[in-house]
Amino acid sequence: MNVSPSPTAVTRVPRPSGRAATADIRDTCGPEERRQLRECVALLSRLTAHLAGK
């Protein structure tokens, strides 16, 4: 019996190394997109900290 995971199942994806991720971002995103990404990361960090404190 072939059972596929539910749509809400969390799948672990291998994390690239910091250098590989940085290179991929640099190769894929333009300067404005990289700036937006930095802002989003900061916002997500604040949100995570807030949720962890609840």
Protein backbone atom coordinates (compact mmCIF):
# COMPACT_ATOMS: atom_id res chain seq x y z
CA MET A 1 0.00 0.00 0.00
CA ASN A 2 1.47 3.34 -1.07
CA VAL A 3 0.58 6.09 1.39
CA SER A 4 1.64 9.64 0.66
CA PRO A 5 2.16 12.10 3.50
CA SER A 6 -0.68 14.40 4.40
CA PRO A 7 -0.53 17.92 2.92
CA THR A 8 0.18 19.31 6.38
CA ALA A 9 3.04 16.93 7.13
CA VAL A 10 6.32 18.66 7.86
CA THR A 11 9.15 17.47 5.68
CA ARG A 12 12.74 17.99 6.70
CA VAL A 13 14.85 19.44 3.94
CA PRO A 14 18.64 19.31 4.23
CA ARG A 15 20.01 22.73 5.14
CA PRO A 16 22.79 24.06 2.96
CA SER A 17 25.90 25.33 4.66
CA GLY A 18 26.02 29.05 5.40
CA ARG A 19 28.46 29.64 2.58
CA ALA A 20 26.39 27.68 0.07
CA ALA A 21 23.21 29.53 1.08
CA THR A 22 24.98 32.89 0.83
CA ALA A 23 26.33 32.02 -2.62
CA ASP A 24 22.90 30.85 -3.78
CA ILE A 25 21.27 34.06 -2.55
CA ARG A 26 23.96 36.19 -4.21
CA ASP A 27 23.61 34.28 -7.48
CA THR A 28 19.80 34.31 -7.48
CA CYS A 29 18.76 37.64 -5.99
CA GLY A 30 19.47 41.19 -7.03
CA PRO A 31 20.59 43.90 -4.57
CA GLU A 32 17.03 45.04 -3.79
CA GLU A 33 15.86 41.46 -3.22
CA ARG A 34 18.80 40.82 -0.89
CA ARG A 35 17.91 43.96 1.09
CA GLN A 36 14.30 42.78 1.37
CA LEU A 37 15.47 39.34 2.44
CA ARG A 38 17.62 40.84 5.23
CA GLU A 39 14.59 42.81 6.47
CA CYS A 40 12.38 39.72 6.37
CA VAL A 41 14.91 37.66 8.31
CA ALA A 42 15.01 40.34 11.01
CA LEU A 43 11.20 40.40 11.20
CA LEU A 44 10.97 36.62 11.36
CA SER A 45 13.59 36.55 14.12
CA ARG A 46 11.55 39.03 16.18
CA LEU A 47 8.37 37.06 15.58
CA THR A 48 10.03 33.81 16.57
CA ALA A 49 11.38 35.34 19.76
CA HIS A 50 7.93 36.73 20.60
CA LEU A 51 6.21 33.39 19.98
CA ALA A 52 8.84 31.51 21.98
CA GLY A 53 8.17 33.80 24.93
CA LYS A 54 4.46 32.90 25.05
